[in-house]
N, C-alpha and C. Protein backbone atom coordinates (compact mmCIF):
# COMPACT_ATOMS: atom_id res chain seq x y z
N MET A 1 -31.75 5.79 37.77
CA MET A 1 -31.02 6.73 37.21
C MET A 1 -29.83 7.29 37.98
N VAL A 2 -30.63 8.61 38.63
CA VAL A 2 -30.17 9.28 39.25
C VAL A 2 -28.97 8.60 40.54
N LEU A 3 -28.66 8.01 40.29
CA LEU A 3 -27.05 6.73 40.92
C LEU A 3 -26.23 6.74 39.60
N LYS A 4 -26.77 6.50 38.47
CA LYS A 4 -25.80 6.32 37.45
C LYS A 4 -25.55 7.73 37.00
N LEU A 5 -26.30 8.81 36.88
CA LEU A 5 -25.58 10.15 37.15
C LEU A 5 -24.55 10.37 38.02
N ALA A 6 -24.74 9.97 39.40
CA ALA A 6 -23.52 10.73 40.49
C ALA A 6 -22.95 10.36 40.12
N LEU A 7 -23.01 8.68 39.57
CA LEU A 7 -21.59 7.96 39.49
C LEU A 7 -20.62 8.13 38.64
N SER A 8 -21.13 9.13 37.51
CA SER A 8 -20.68 9.77 36.20
C SER A 8 -20.28 11.31 36.44
N ALA A 9 -20.19 11.49 37.86
CA ALA A 9 -20.21 13.05 38.22
C ALA A 9 -18.17 12.60 38.28
N PRO A 10 -17.53 13.99 37.75
CA PRO A 10 -15.73 13.83 38.17
C PRO A 10 -15.60 13.82 39.42
N VAL A 11 -15.72 14.75 40.37
CA VAL A 11 -15.65 15.13 41.83
C VAL A 11 -17.12 15.10 42.38
N VAL A 12 -16.69 14.18 43.92
CA VAL A 12 -18.11 14.24 44.36
C VAL A 12 -17.46 14.71 45.61
N ALA A 13 -18.17 16.37 46.39
CA ALA A 13 -17.93 16.56 47.42
C ALA A 13 -18.45 16.27 48.68
N VAL A 14 -17.63 15.91 50.02
CA VAL A 14 -18.21 15.37 51.10
C VAL A 14 -17.57 16.24 52.51
N ALA A 15 -18.76 16.03 53.59
CA ALA A 15 -18.38 17.15 54.56
C ALA A 15 -18.19 16.37 55.46
N SER A 16 -18.56 15.08 55.69
CA SER A 16 -18.10 13.98 56.67
C SER A 16 -17.39 12.50 56.64
N PRO A 17 -17.10 12.10 57.35
CA PRO A 17 -16.29 11.52 57.63
C PRO A 17 -17.48 9.91 57.51
N SER A 18 -19.09 10.41 57.48
CA SER A 18 -20.07 8.74 56.98
C SER A 18 -20.51 10.03 56.02
N ALA A 19 -20.32 10.04 54.72
CA ALA A 19 -20.54 11.39 54.12
C ALA A 19 -19.74 10.49 53.29
N ILE A 20 -19.21 9.74 53.11
CA ILE A 20 -17.68 8.97 52.75
C ILE A 20 -18.21 8.64 52.49
N CYS A 21 -18.48 7.42 53.78
CA CYS A 21 -19.20 5.67 54.48
C CYS A 21 -20.73 5.83 52.80
N ALA A 22 -21.85 6.29 53.20
CA ALA A 22 -22.36 6.24 53.02
C ALA A 22 -22.10 6.19 51.24
N TRP A 23 -21.55 6.98 50.64
CA TRP A 23 -21.07 7.83 48.86
C TRP A 23 -20.39 5.88 48.39
N VAL A 24 -19.20 5.39 49.51
CA VAL A 24 -18.67 4.09 49.47
C VAL A 24 -20.32 2.96 49.25
N ASN A 25 -20.70 2.77 49.92
CA ASN A 25 -22.00 2.43 50.45
C ASN A 25 -23.11 1.73 49.01
N LEU A 26 -22.19 3.15 48.34
CA LEU A 26 -23.59 3.40 46.64
C LEU A 26 -22.95 2.99 45.59
N ILE A 27 -20.95 2.38 45.65
CA ILE A 27 -20.08 2.17 44.53
C ILE A 27 -20.58 0.67 44.90
N SER A 28 -21.00 0.38 43.47
CA SER A 28 -20.56 -1.51 43.61
C SER A 28 -19.08 -1.56 43.36
N GLU A 29 -19.09 -0.85 41.84
CA GLU A 29 -17.23 -1.75 42.10
C GLU A 29 -16.32 -0.73 42.57
N LEU A 30 -16.03 -0.10 43.23
CA LEU A 30 -15.49 1.23 44.21
C LEU A 30 -13.70 0.57 43.62
N GLU A 31 -13.03 -0.47 42.95
CA GLU A 31 -12.05 -0.52 42.08
C GLU A 31 -12.13 -0.12 41.14
N GLN A 32 -13.44 -0.05 40.40
CA GLN A 32 -13.34 1.06 38.23
C GLN A 32 -14.02 2.21 39.07
N TRP A 33 -14.21 2.88 40.19
CA TRP A 33 -14.47 3.66 40.23
C TRP A 33 -13.29 5.28 40.55
N ASN A 34 -12.47 5.29 39.32
CA ASN A 34 -11.51 6.68 39.67
C ASN A 34 -12.32 7.93 39.77
N ASN A 35 -13.17 7.95 39.76
CA ASN A 35 -13.42 10.18 39.89
C ASN A 35 -12.84 10.29 41.79
N SER A 36 -13.02 11.57 41.56
CA SER A 36 -13.07 12.53 42.55
C SER A 36 -13.50 13.03 43.54
N VAL A 37 -12.72 13.00 44.62
CA VAL A 37 -13.51 13.23 45.69
C VAL A 37 -12.79 14.28 46.84
N ALA A 38 -13.72 15.93 47.15
CA ALA A 38 -13.35 17.18 47.18
C ALA A 38 -13.83 16.51 49.02
N CYS A 39 -12.80 17.03 49.52
CA CYS A 39 -13.51 17.00 51.63
C CYS A 39 -13.20 18.04 51.89
N ILE A 40 -13.83 18.20 52.97
CA ILE A 40 -14.14 19.22 53.54
C ILE A 40 -13.05 19.61 54.54
N GLY A 41 -11.71 18.17 54.79
CA GLY A 41 -10.64 18.45 55.82
C GLY A 41 -10.55 17.34 55.51
N GLU A 42 -9.54 17.20 56.54
CA GLU A 42 -8.18 16.46 56.64
C GLU A 42 -9.34 14.50 56.71
N THR A 43 -9.75 15.22 58.46
CA THR A 43 -10.17 13.73 58.89
C THR A 43 -11.50 13.80 58.01
N THR A 44 -12.15 13.63 57.51
CA THR A 44 -13.00 13.01 56.07
C THR A 44 -11.87 12.64 54.69
N ALA A 45 -11.22 13.16 54.92
CA ALA A 45 -10.02 12.73 53.59
C ALA A 45 -9.56 11.52 54.27
N LYS A 46 -8.60 11.53 55.31
CA LYS A 46 -8.34 10.23 56.12
C LYS A 46 -9.39 9.00 55.84
N ALA A 47 -10.36 9.24 56.47
CA ALA A 47 -11.56 8.32 56.11
C ALA A 47 -11.98 8.21 53.94
N ALA A 48 -11.62 8.83 53.85
CA ALA A 48 -11.57 8.33 52.09
C ALA A 48 -11.05 7.65 52.02
N LYS A 49 -9.46 7.81 52.40
CA LYS A 49 -8.38 6.71 51.64
C LYS A 49 -8.34 5.65 52.35
N LYS A 50 -8.56 5.34 53.63
CA LYS A 50 -9.21 4.59 54.34
C LYS A 50 -10.20 3.63 53.78
N LEU A 51 -11.65 3.72 53.11
CA LEU A 51 -11.71 2.45 52.39
C LEU A 51 -11.90 2.84 50.97
N GLY A 52 -10.71 3.39 50.55
CA GLY A 52 -9.91 3.23 49.04
C GLY A 52 -10.14 4.32 47.86
N LEU A 53 -10.26 4.70 48.63
CA LEU A 53 -11.28 6.28 47.34
C LEU A 53 -9.51 6.75 47.27
N ARG A 54 -9.49 7.03 45.94
CA ARG A 54 -8.19 7.90 45.39
C ARG A 54 -8.37 9.52 44.78
N ASN A 55 -7.68 9.79 45.04
CA ASN A 55 -8.32 11.16 44.39
C ASN A 55 -8.30 11.81 44.58
N VAL A 56 -8.28 12.07 46.09
CA VAL A 56 -8.31 12.70 47.02
C VAL A 56 -8.08 14.10 47.49
N TYR A 57 -8.97 15.49 47.68
CA TYR A 57 -8.61 16.17 47.63
C TYR A 57 -9.30 17.22 49.23
N TYR A 58 -8.54 18.31 49.80
CA TYR A 58 -9.06 18.59 50.61
C TYR A 58 -7.67 19.74 51.04
N PRO A 59 -8.66 20.51 51.65
CA PRO A 59 -7.71 21.58 51.89
C PRO A 59 -7.22 21.73 53.24
N ALA A 60 -5.88 22.19 53.55
CA ALA A 60 -4.46 22.31 54.86
C ALA A 60 -5.60 23.02 56.12
N ASN A 61 -6.51 23.57 55.84
CA ASN A 61 -7.94 23.89 56.40
C ASN A 61 -9.16 23.84 56.22
N PRO A 62 -9.61 22.99 57.63
CA PRO A 62 -11.31 22.48 56.96
C PRO A 62 -11.91 23.90 57.07
N GLY A 63 -13.11 23.91 56.57
CA GLY A 63 -13.91 25.02 56.51
C GLY A 63 -14.71 25.39 54.58
N LEU A 64 -15.42 26.18 54.38
CA LEU A 64 -16.02 26.48 53.18
C LEU A 64 -15.11 26.65 52.36
N GLU A 65 -14.78 27.61 52.91
CA GLU A 65 -13.78 28.10 51.58
C GLU A 65 -12.20 26.70 50.90
N GLY A 66 -11.81 26.51 52.28
CA GLY A 66 -10.70 25.36 51.50
C GLY A 66 -11.75 24.70 50.79
N TRP A 67 -12.04 24.08 51.58
CA TRP A 67 -13.32 22.81 50.57
C TRP A 67 -13.93 23.20 49.24
N VAL A 68 -13.82 24.62 48.81
CA VAL A 68 -14.79 25.46 47.22
C VAL A 68 -13.32 25.34 46.71
N GLY A 69 -12.27 24.97 47.02
CA GLY A 69 -10.44 24.60 47.08
C GLY A 69 -10.17 24.01 46.68
N SER A 70 -10.51 22.79 47.36
CA SER A 70 -10.34 21.60 47.03
C SER A 70 -11.66 20.84 45.99
N ILE A 71 -12.48 21.57 45.89
CA ILE A 71 -13.12 20.70 44.30
C ILE A 71 -13.14 21.53 43.46
N ILE A 72 -12.27 22.65 43.18
CA ILE A 72 -11.80 23.33 42.08
C ILE A 72 -10.85 22.65 41.63
N GLU A 73 -9.27 22.20 42.75
CA GLU A 73 -8.98 21.41 42.17
C GLU A 73 -9.00 20.12 42.22
N ALA A 74 -9.77 19.67 42.57
CA ALA A 74 -9.97 18.00 41.63
C ALA A 74 -10.81 18.03 40.13
N LEU A 75 -11.39 19.68 40.05
CA LEU A 75 -12.20 19.36 39.33
C LEU A 75 -11.07 20.06 37.83
N GLN A 76 -9.78 20.56 37.84
CA GLN A 76 -9.25 21.03 37.03
C GLN A 76 -7.87 19.62 36.96
N ALA A 77 -7.89 18.55 37.88
CA ALA A 77 -7.20 18.06 37.75
C ALA A 77 -8.04 16.70 37.00
N ASN A 78 -8.72 16.33 37.01
CA ASN A 78 -10.51 15.54 36.22
C ASN A 78 -9.99 15.82 34.61
N VAL A 79 -9.65 17.97 34.60
CA VAL A 79 -9.87 17.59 33.05
C VAL A 79 -8.92 17.51 32.40
N CYS A 80 -7.53 17.18 33.38
CA CYS A 80 -5.68 16.94 32.69
C CYS A 80 -6.10 15.25 32.30
N LEU A 81 -7.43 14.67 32.82
CA LEU A 81 -7.25 13.10 32.89
C LEU A 81 -7.43 12.44 31.81
């Protein structure tokens, strides 16, 4: 039940490449998951893209403030979809 709710979240916020790996391992059908990922920085975003995630958002400078901005940007983009 909790996983089903998590998979339906419009944005998943992650702070490390290992968190991206864990998330991808939970998704049974990656091609069908089109929600957004807000990454804390470029390294995490590159890992997300490498693993096949789309709709990846990240700040120019890693850190908490930029990460929050990326989450907001991802949420706004999701509303328009």
